[in-house]
Amino acid sequence: MAASEIAPGTDLIVTAHSHARVTREALAAAKLGGIGYHPSLLPRHRGIAAVEWTIKEGDPIAGGTIYHLADRMDAGAIAAQEWVFVKKGETAANCGSARWCRCGQKLLAEVIDHAKAHGSLPAKPQDEEFATRAPDSLGVADSL
């Protein structure tokens, strides 16, 4: 997304499960920048296929993150997170899209309410020591 695509007076750019890049100029065109939803507890499982890798890795706890859009994929400051237990036998097809997406809707509403009330977004830097990257497929992970 380029700056020319941002309407004048835009307060906030919001993405969810998006792999499109939002340019630095586009983020600067919005009063509060941009946030995205990612279906993992960032910094764990950055990239696409996060739900699948949560299941494949046997993570007992998963969740969702609202994060600030940044130059690197899924690496911006965390605005909000919520966790859920992963039930035995769950698969990406039968658990992730329902429970973790509801988690994202709730978190997004909380962050937007905060922005309305305070004119700013919460931001806590991600701890790079714990960053992992979910591969684009269920093959070998890319490097961070």
N, C-alpha and C. Protein backbone atom coordinates (compact mmCIF):
# COMPACT_ATOMS: atom_id res chain seq x y z
N MET A 1 0.85 -1.16 0.00
CA MET A 1 0.00 0.00 0.00
C MET A 1 0.90 1.23 0.00
N ALA A 2 0.60 2.13 -0.88
CA ALA A 2 1.39 3.36 -1.00
C ALA A 2 0.68 4.52 -0.33
N ALA A 3 1.42 5.57 -0.04
CA ALA A 3 0.86 6.76 0.61
C ALA A 3 -0.28 7.35 -0.20
N SER A 4 -0.20 7.28 -1.52
CA SER A 4 -1.26 7.84 -2.37
C SER A 4 -2.59 7.11 -2.19
N GLU A 5 -2.59 5.92 -1.61
CA GLU A 5 -3.81 5.16 -1.38
C GLU A 5 -4.48 5.50 -0.05
N ILE A 6 -3.84 6.32 0.76
CA ILE A 6 -4.39 6.68 2.07
C ILE A 6 -5.20 7.96 1.93
N ALA A 7 -6.46 7.88 2.31
CA ALA A 7 -7.34 9.05 2.21
C ALA A 7 -6.90 10.13 3.18
N PRO A 8 -7.02 11.40 2.77
CA PRO A 8 -6.69 12.49 3.70
C PRO A 8 -7.53 12.37 4.97
N GLY A 9 -6.91 12.66 6.10
CA GLY A 9 -7.62 12.60 7.38
C GLY A 9 -7.72 11.21 7.98
N THR A 10 -7.06 10.22 7.39
CA THR A 10 -7.08 8.87 7.93
C THR A 10 -6.38 8.85 9.29
N ASP A 11 -7.05 8.27 10.27
CA ASP A 11 -6.46 8.17 11.60
C ASP A 11 -5.58 6.94 11.76
N LEU A 12 -6.03 5.80 11.23
CA LEU A 12 -5.35 4.54 11.50
C LEU A 12 -5.55 3.57 10.36
N ILE A 13 -4.49 2.91 9.95
CA ILE A 13 -4.55 1.83 8.97
C ILE A 13 -4.64 0.53 9.76
N VAL A 14 -5.59 -0.34 9.39
CA VAL A 14 -5.78 -1.61 10.09
C VAL A 14 -5.73 -2.75 9.08
N THR A 15 -4.90 -3.76 9.38
CA THR A 15 -4.82 -4.95 8.55
C THR A 15 -5.04 -6.18 9.45
N ALA A 16 -5.44 -7.26 8.82
CA ALA A 16 -5.58 -8.53 9.55
C ALA A 16 -5.24 -9.67 8.61
N HIS A 17 -4.38 -10.54 9.04
CA HIS A 17 -3.95 -11.69 8.22
C HIS A 17 -3.51 -11.24 6.84
N SER A 18 -2.89 -10.10 6.76
CA SER A 18 -2.49 -9.54 5.46
C SER A 18 -1.01 -9.76 5.21
N HIS A 19 -0.71 -10.08 3.98
CA HIS A 19 0.69 -10.25 3.58
C HIS A 19 1.14 -9.10 2.70
N ALA A 20 0.26 -8.12 2.51
CA ALA A 20 0.59 -6.94 1.72
C ALA A 20 1.48 -6.02 2.53
N ARG A 21 2.39 -5.37 1.87
CA ARG A 21 3.28 -4.42 2.53
C ARG A 21 2.64 -3.05 2.55
N VAL A 22 2.70 -2.41 3.69
CA VAL A 22 2.25 -1.02 3.83
C VAL A 22 3.53 -0.20 3.95
N THR A 23 3.71 0.73 3.03
CA THR A 23 4.97 1.48 3.00
C THR A 23 5.10 2.41 4.20
N ARG A 24 6.33 2.77 4.49
CA ARG A 24 6.61 3.71 5.57
C ARG A 24 5.88 5.03 5.30
N GLU A 25 5.84 5.45 4.04
CA GLU A 25 5.16 6.70 3.67
C GLU A 25 3.65 6.60 3.90
N ALA A 26 3.07 5.44 3.62
CA ALA A 26 1.64 5.24 3.87
C ALA A 26 1.35 5.30 5.36
N LEU A 27 2.19 4.67 6.17
CA LEU A 27 2.01 4.71 7.62
C LEU A 27 2.11 6.14 8.13
N ALA A 28 3.03 6.92 7.56
CA ALA A 28 3.20 8.31 7.99
C ALA A 28 2.01 9.17 7.59
N ALA A 29 1.27 8.75 6.56
CA ALA A 29 0.11 9.53 6.09
C ALA A 29 -1.09 9.39 7.03
N ALA A 30 -1.12 8.34 7.84
CA ALA A 30 -2.20 8.13 8.81
C ALA A 30 -1.77 8.70 10.16
N LYS A 31 -2.67 9.39 10.81
CA LYS A 31 -2.34 10.07 12.07
C LYS A 31 -1.65 9.16 13.09
N LEU A 32 -2.16 7.94 13.26
CA LEU A 32 -1.62 7.01 14.26
C LEU A 32 -0.81 5.88 13.63
N GLY A 33 -0.57 5.94 12.33
CA GLY A 33 0.17 4.87 11.67
C GLY A 33 -0.72 3.69 11.35
N GLY A 34 -0.22 2.50 11.59
CA GLY A 34 -0.99 1.31 11.25
C GLY A 34 -0.75 0.17 12.23
N ILE A 35 -1.76 -0.68 12.34
CA ILE A 35 -1.68 -1.87 13.19
C ILE A 35 -2.18 -3.07 12.38
N GLY A 36 -1.76 -4.24 12.81
CA GLY A 36 -2.20 -5.46 12.18
C GLY A 36 -2.52 -6.50 13.22
N TYR A 37 -3.28 -7.51 12.82
CA TYR A 37 -3.56 -8.66 13.68
C TYR A 37 -2.77 -9.84 13.16
N HIS A 38 -2.12 -10.56 14.08
CA HIS A 38 -1.38 -11.77 13.72
C HIS A 38 -1.84 -12.90 14.64
N PRO A 39 -2.16 -14.08 14.09
CA PRO A 39 -2.68 -15.18 14.91
C PRO A 39 -1.61 -16.00 15.61
N SER A 40 -0.74 -15.29 16.35
CA SER A 40 0.23 -15.97 17.22
C SER A 40 0.60 -15.01 18.32
N LEU A 41 1.32 -15.51 19.29
CA LEU A 41 1.84 -14.67 20.36
C LEU A 41 3.20 -14.15 19.91
N LEU A 42 3.17 -13.08 19.14
CA LEU A 42 4.43 -12.51 18.66
C LEU A 42 5.34 -12.21 19.84
N PRO A 43 6.61 -12.45 19.69
CA PRO A 43 7.34 -12.63 18.45
C PRO A 43 7.39 -14.08 17.93
N ARG A 44 6.68 -15.00 18.55
CA ARG A 44 6.69 -16.39 18.09
C ARG A 44 5.86 -16.52 16.81
N HIS A 45 6.35 -17.29 15.88
CA HIS A 45 5.67 -17.64 14.63
C HIS A 45 5.35 -16.43 13.74
N ARG A 46 6.34 -15.55 13.57
CA ARG A 46 6.17 -14.47 12.59
C ARG A 46 6.01 -15.08 11.20
N GLY A 47 5.33 -14.37 10.32
CA GLY A 47 5.15 -14.83 8.94
C GLY A 47 3.83 -15.54 8.75
N ILE A 48 3.65 -16.05 7.54
CA ILE A 48 2.39 -16.74 7.24
C ILE A 48 2.46 -18.16 7.79
N ALA A 49 1.33 -18.82 7.86
CA ALA A 49 1.20 -20.18 8.37
C ALA A 49 1.44 -20.26 9.88
N ALA A 50 1.19 -19.17 10.59
CA ALA A 50 1.43 -19.15 12.04
C ALA A 50 0.54 -20.15 12.78
N VAL A 51 -0.72 -20.26 12.38
CA VAL A 51 -1.62 -21.19 13.05
C VAL A 51 -1.14 -22.62 12.83
N GLU A 52 -0.79 -22.93 11.59
CA GLU A 52 -0.32 -24.28 11.28
C GLU A 52 0.93 -24.62 12.08
N TRP A 53 1.87 -23.66 12.20
CA TRP A 53 3.09 -23.93 12.93
C TRP A 53 2.87 -23.99 14.44
N THR A 54 1.91 -23.28 14.94
CA THR A 54 1.56 -23.40 16.36
C THR A 54 1.14 -24.84 16.66
N ILE A 55 0.31 -25.40 15.80
CA ILE A 55 -0.16 -26.77 15.96
C ILE A 55 1.01 -27.76 15.74
N LYS A 56 1.76 -27.58 14.65
CA LYS A 56 2.86 -28.49 14.33
C LYS A 56 3.92 -28.53 15.43
N GLU A 57 4.22 -27.38 16.03
CA GLU A 57 5.22 -27.31 17.08
C GLU A 57 4.71 -27.81 18.43
N GLY A 58 3.41 -28.09 18.51
CA GLY A 58 2.83 -28.58 19.75
C GLY A 58 2.74 -27.54 20.84
N ASP A 59 2.64 -26.26 20.44
CA ASP A 59 2.52 -25.20 21.44
C ASP A 59 1.26 -25.41 22.28
N PRO A 60 1.38 -25.49 23.60
CA PRO A 60 0.19 -25.68 24.44
C PRO A 60 -0.61 -24.39 24.62
N ILE A 61 0.03 -23.27 24.36
CA ILE A 61 -0.62 -21.96 24.48
C ILE A 61 -0.37 -21.21 23.19
N ALA A 62 -1.41 -20.57 22.70
CA ALA A 62 -1.30 -19.76 21.48
C ALA A 62 -2.12 -18.50 21.70
N GLY A 63 -2.37 -17.78 20.67
CA GLY A 63 -3.18 -16.58 20.83
C GLY A 63 -3.04 -15.65 19.65
N GLY A 64 -3.31 -14.40 19.91
CA GLY A 64 -3.25 -13.40 18.86
C GLY A 64 -2.60 -12.12 19.36
N THR A 65 -2.12 -11.34 18.41
CA THR A 65 -1.40 -10.11 18.72
C THR A 65 -1.84 -9.00 17.79
N ILE A 66 -2.12 -7.83 18.35
CA ILE A 66 -2.25 -6.60 17.58
C ILE A 66 -0.89 -5.93 17.69
N TYR A 67 -0.30 -5.62 16.55
CA TYR A 67 1.05 -5.06 16.54
C TYR A 67 1.12 -3.87 15.59
N HIS A 68 2.10 -3.02 15.81
CA HIS A 68 2.32 -1.87 14.94
C HIS A 68 2.97 -2.35 13.65
N LEU A 69 2.46 -1.90 12.52
CA LEU A 69 3.07 -2.24 11.24
C LEU A 69 4.45 -1.60 11.18
N ALA A 70 5.41 -2.34 10.64
CA ALA A 70 6.80 -1.89 10.60
C ALA A 70 7.45 -2.36 9.30
N ASP A 71 8.69 -1.99 9.13
CA ASP A 71 9.42 -2.38 7.92
C ASP A 71 9.57 -3.90 7.80
N ARG A 72 9.79 -4.59 8.93
CA ARG A 72 9.92 -6.04 8.90
C ARG A 72 8.59 -6.69 9.23
N MET A 73 8.30 -7.80 8.55
CA MET A 73 7.02 -8.48 8.73
C MET A 73 6.81 -8.92 10.17
N ASP A 74 5.68 -8.52 10.73
CA ASP A 74 5.23 -8.95 12.06
C ASP A 74 6.21 -8.60 13.18
N ALA A 75 7.04 -7.58 12.98
CA ALA A 75 8.09 -7.26 13.95
C ALA A 75 7.86 -5.96 14.71
N GLY A 76 6.75 -5.27 14.45
CA GLY A 76 6.50 -4.01 15.13
C GLY A 76 6.13 -4.20 16.60
N ALA A 77 6.10 -3.09 17.31
CA ALA A 77 5.76 -3.11 18.74
C ALA A 77 4.37 -3.72 18.96
N ILE A 78 4.21 -4.36 20.09
CA ILE A 78 2.94 -5.02 20.43
C ILE A 78 2.01 -4.00 21.08
N ALA A 79 0.79 -3.93 20.55
CA ALA A 79 -0.24 -3.06 21.12
C ALA A 79 -1.11 -3.84 22.10
N ALA A 80 -1.37 -5.11 21.81
CA ALA A 80 -2.20 -5.95 22.69
C ALA A 80 -2.02 -7.41 22.31
N GLN A 81 -2.17 -8.28 23.30
CA GLN A 81 -2.11 -9.72 23.08
C GLN A 81 -3.13 -10.42 23.97
N GLU A 82 -3.56 -11.57 23.50
CA GLU A 82 -4.39 -12.44 24.33
C GLU A 82 -4.03 -13.88 23.98
N TRP A 83 -4.01 -14.73 25.00
CA TRP A 83 -3.65 -16.11 24.78
C TRP A 83 -4.85 -17.03 24.97
N VAL A 84 -4.74 -18.22 24.37
CA VAL A 84 -5.72 -19.29 24.55
C VAL A 84 -4.94 -20.60 24.67
N PHE A 85 -5.51 -21.58 25.35
CA PHE A 85 -4.93 -22.91 25.37
C PHE A 85 -5.22 -23.59 24.04
N VAL A 86 -4.28 -24.40 23.58
CA VAL A 86 -4.49 -25.21 22.39
C VAL A 86 -4.96 -26.57 22.88
N LYS A 87 -6.14 -26.97 22.47
CA LYS A 87 -6.69 -28.25 22.91
C LYS A 87 -6.05 -29.40 22.14
N LYS A 88 -5.88 -30.54 22.82
CA LYS A 88 -5.33 -31.72 22.16
C LYS A 88 -6.22 -32.09 20.97
N GLY A 89 -5.59 -32.43 19.89
CA GLY A 89 -6.32 -32.86 18.70
C GLY A 89 -6.77 -31.73 17.79
N GLU A 90 -6.54 -30.48 18.22
CA GLU A 90 -6.93 -29.38 17.35
C GLU A 90 -6.02 -29.33 16.13
N THR A 91 -6.59 -28.88 15.05
CA THR A 91 -5.83 -28.67 13.83
C THR A 91 -6.05 -27.23 13.40
N ALA A 92 -5.25 -26.78 12.46
CA ALA A 92 -5.42 -25.42 11.95
C ALA A 92 -6.81 -25.25 11.34
N ALA A 93 -7.33 -26.31 10.73
CA ALA A 93 -8.64 -26.23 10.09
C ALA A 93 -9.77 -26.13 11.10
N ASN A 94 -9.64 -26.75 12.27
CA ASN A 94 -10.78 -26.77 13.19
C ASN A 94 -10.64 -25.86 14.39
N CYS A 95 -9.50 -25.18 14.55
CA CYS A 95 -9.41 -24.34 15.74
C CYS A 95 -8.99 -22.91 15.44
N GLY A 96 -7.96 -22.75 14.68
CA GLY A 96 -7.35 -21.45 14.52
C GLY A 96 -8.27 -20.39 13.99
N SER A 97 -8.95 -20.68 12.92
CA SER A 97 -9.72 -19.63 12.29
C SER A 97 -10.87 -19.16 13.17
N ALA A 98 -11.44 -20.00 13.97
CA ALA A 98 -12.57 -19.57 14.80
C ALA A 98 -12.12 -18.90 16.10
N ARG A 99 -11.44 -19.63 16.98
CA ARG A 99 -11.07 -19.06 18.29
C ARG A 99 -10.08 -17.93 18.18
N TRP A 100 -9.05 -18.09 17.36
CA TRP A 100 -8.02 -17.07 17.30
C TRP A 100 -8.50 -15.83 16.57
N CYS A 101 -9.43 -15.97 15.63
CA CYS A 101 -9.97 -14.78 14.97
C CYS A 101 -10.89 -14.01 15.91
N ARG A 102 -11.66 -14.69 16.73
CA ARG A 102 -12.47 -13.98 17.73
C ARG A 102 -11.57 -13.24 18.69
N CYS A 103 -10.45 -13.84 19.02
CA CYS A 103 -9.46 -13.19 19.87
C CYS A 103 -9.00 -11.89 19.21
N GLY A 104 -8.75 -11.94 17.92
CA GLY A 104 -8.30 -10.76 17.19
C GLY A 104 -9.32 -9.66 17.14
N GLN A 105 -10.58 -10.01 16.97
CA GLN A 105 -11.65 -9.00 16.94
C GLN A 105 -11.73 -8.27 18.27
N LYS A 106 -11.64 -9.01 19.35
CA LYS A 106 -11.69 -8.42 20.69
C LYS A 106 -10.50 -7.49 20.92
N LEU A 107 -9.31 -7.97 20.58
CA LEU A 107 -8.11 -7.16 20.76
C LEU A 107 -8.14 -5.90 19.91
N LEU A 108 -8.58 -6.04 18.68
CA LEU A 108 -8.66 -4.88 17.80
C LEU A 108 -9.60 -3.83 18.37
N ALA A 109 -10.74 -4.25 18.88
CA ALA A 109 -11.68 -3.31 19.48
C ALA A 109 -11.06 -2.61 20.68
N GLU A 110 -10.31 -3.35 21.51
CA GLU A 110 -9.65 -2.75 22.67
C GLU A 110 -8.63 -1.70 22.26
N VAL A 111 -7.84 -2.01 21.24
CA VAL A 111 -6.79 -1.08 20.80
C VAL A 111 -7.42 0.17 20.17
N ILE A 112 -8.45 -0.01 19.38
CA ILE A 112 -9.13 1.14 18.77
C ILE A 112 -9.79 2.00 19.84
N ASP A 113 -10.41 1.37 20.83
CA ASP A 113 -10.99 2.15 21.95
C ASP A 113 -9.91 2.94 22.68
N HIS A 114 -8.75 2.33 22.89
CA HIS A 114 -7.63 3.02 23.53
C HIS A 114 -7.20 4.22 22.69
N ALA A 115 -7.09 4.03 21.38
CA ALA A 115 -6.68 5.12 20.49
C ALA A 115 -7.68 6.27 20.53
N LYS A 116 -8.96 5.95 20.56
CA LYS A 116 -9.99 7.00 20.64
C LYS A 116 -9.88 7.77 21.95
N ALA A 117 -9.67 7.06 23.03
CA ALA A 117 -9.64 7.69 24.35
C ALA A 117 -8.35 8.49 24.61
N HIS A 118 -7.23 8.01 24.06
CA HIS A 118 -5.93 8.60 24.41
C HIS A 118 -5.21 9.28 23.24
N GLY A 119 -5.71 9.06 22.02
CA GLY A 119 -5.05 9.65 20.86
C GLY A 119 -3.71 9.01 20.55
N SER A 120 -3.49 7.81 21.08
CA SER A 120 -2.24 7.09 20.85
C SER A 120 -2.51 5.59 20.95
N LEU A 121 -1.53 4.82 20.55
CA LEU A 121 -1.63 3.37 20.61
C LEU A 121 -0.65 2.82 21.63
N PRO A 122 -1.05 1.79 22.39
CA PRO A 122 -0.09 1.14 23.28
C PRO A 122 1.04 0.54 22.43
N ALA A 123 2.23 0.47 22.99
CA ALA A 123 3.37 -0.08 22.25
C ALA A 123 4.40 -0.64 23.20
N LYS A 124 4.65 -1.94 23.07
CA LYS A 124 5.69 -2.60 23.84
C LYS A 124 6.58 -3.34 22.84
N PRO A 125 7.88 -3.02 22.81
CA PRO A 125 8.76 -3.67 21.84
C PRO A 125 8.74 -5.20 21.98
N GLN A 126 8.86 -5.88 20.85
CA GLN A 126 8.97 -7.33 20.88
C GLN A 126 10.38 -7.71 21.34
N ASP A 127 10.48 -8.82 22.04
CA ASP A 127 11.76 -9.33 22.50
C ASP A 127 12.33 -10.22 21.39
N GLU A 128 13.31 -9.70 20.67
CA GLU A 128 13.89 -10.41 19.53
C GLU A 128 14.52 -11.74 19.92
N GLU A 129 14.91 -11.88 21.17
CA GLU A 129 15.50 -13.14 21.63
C GLU A 129 14.55 -14.32 21.43
N PHE A 130 13.25 -14.06 21.47
CA PHE A 130 12.26 -15.13 21.37
C PHE A 130 11.58 -15.20 20.02
N ALA A 131 12.05 -14.43 19.05
CA ALA A 131 11.43 -14.41 17.73
C ALA A 131 11.68 -15.71 16.99
N THR A 132 10.62 -16.24 16.39
CA THR A 132 10.71 -17.37 15.48
C THR A 132 9.93 -16.99 14.24
N ARG A 133 10.22 -17.65 13.14
CA ARG A 133 9.53 -17.35 11.89
C ARG A 133 8.81 -18.60 11.42
N ALA A 134 7.51 -18.44 11.22
CA ALA A 134 6.72 -19.53 10.63
C ALA A 134 7.04 -19.57 9.14
N PRO A 135 7.43 -20.71 8.61
CA PRO A 135 7.73 -20.79 7.18
C PRO A 135 6.47 -20.48 6.36
N ASP A 136 6.70 -20.12 5.11
CA ASP A 136 5.57 -19.85 4.22
C ASP A 136 4.77 -21.13 3.96
N SER A 137 5.41 -22.25 4.11
CA SER A 137 4.73 -23.55 3.98
C SER A 137 5.22 -24.39 5.16
N LEU A 138 4.87 -25.62 5.17
CA LEU A 138 5.31 -26.49 6.28
C LEU A 138 6.66 -27.12 5.98
N GLY A 139 7.51 -26.38 5.29
CA GLY A 139 8.88 -26.82 4.99
C GLY A 139 9.86 -26.25 5.99
N VAL A 140 11.04 -25.95 5.55
CA VAL A 140 12.09 -25.44 6.41
C VAL A 140 11.88 -23.95 6.65
N ALA A 141 12.05 -23.50 7.89
CA ALA A 141 11.83 -22.10 8.26
C ALA A 141 12.86 -21.19 7.60
N ASP A 142 12.38 -20.03 7.20
CA ASP A 142 13.28 -18.98 6.70
C ASP A 142 14.02 -18.38 7.88
N SER A 143 15.13 -17.74 7.61
CA SER A 143 15.82 -17.03 8.67
C SER A 143 15.09 -15.74 8.96
N LEU A 144 15.26 -15.22 10.18
CA LEU A 144 14.65 -13.95 10.55
C LEU A 144 15.39 -12.90 9.81
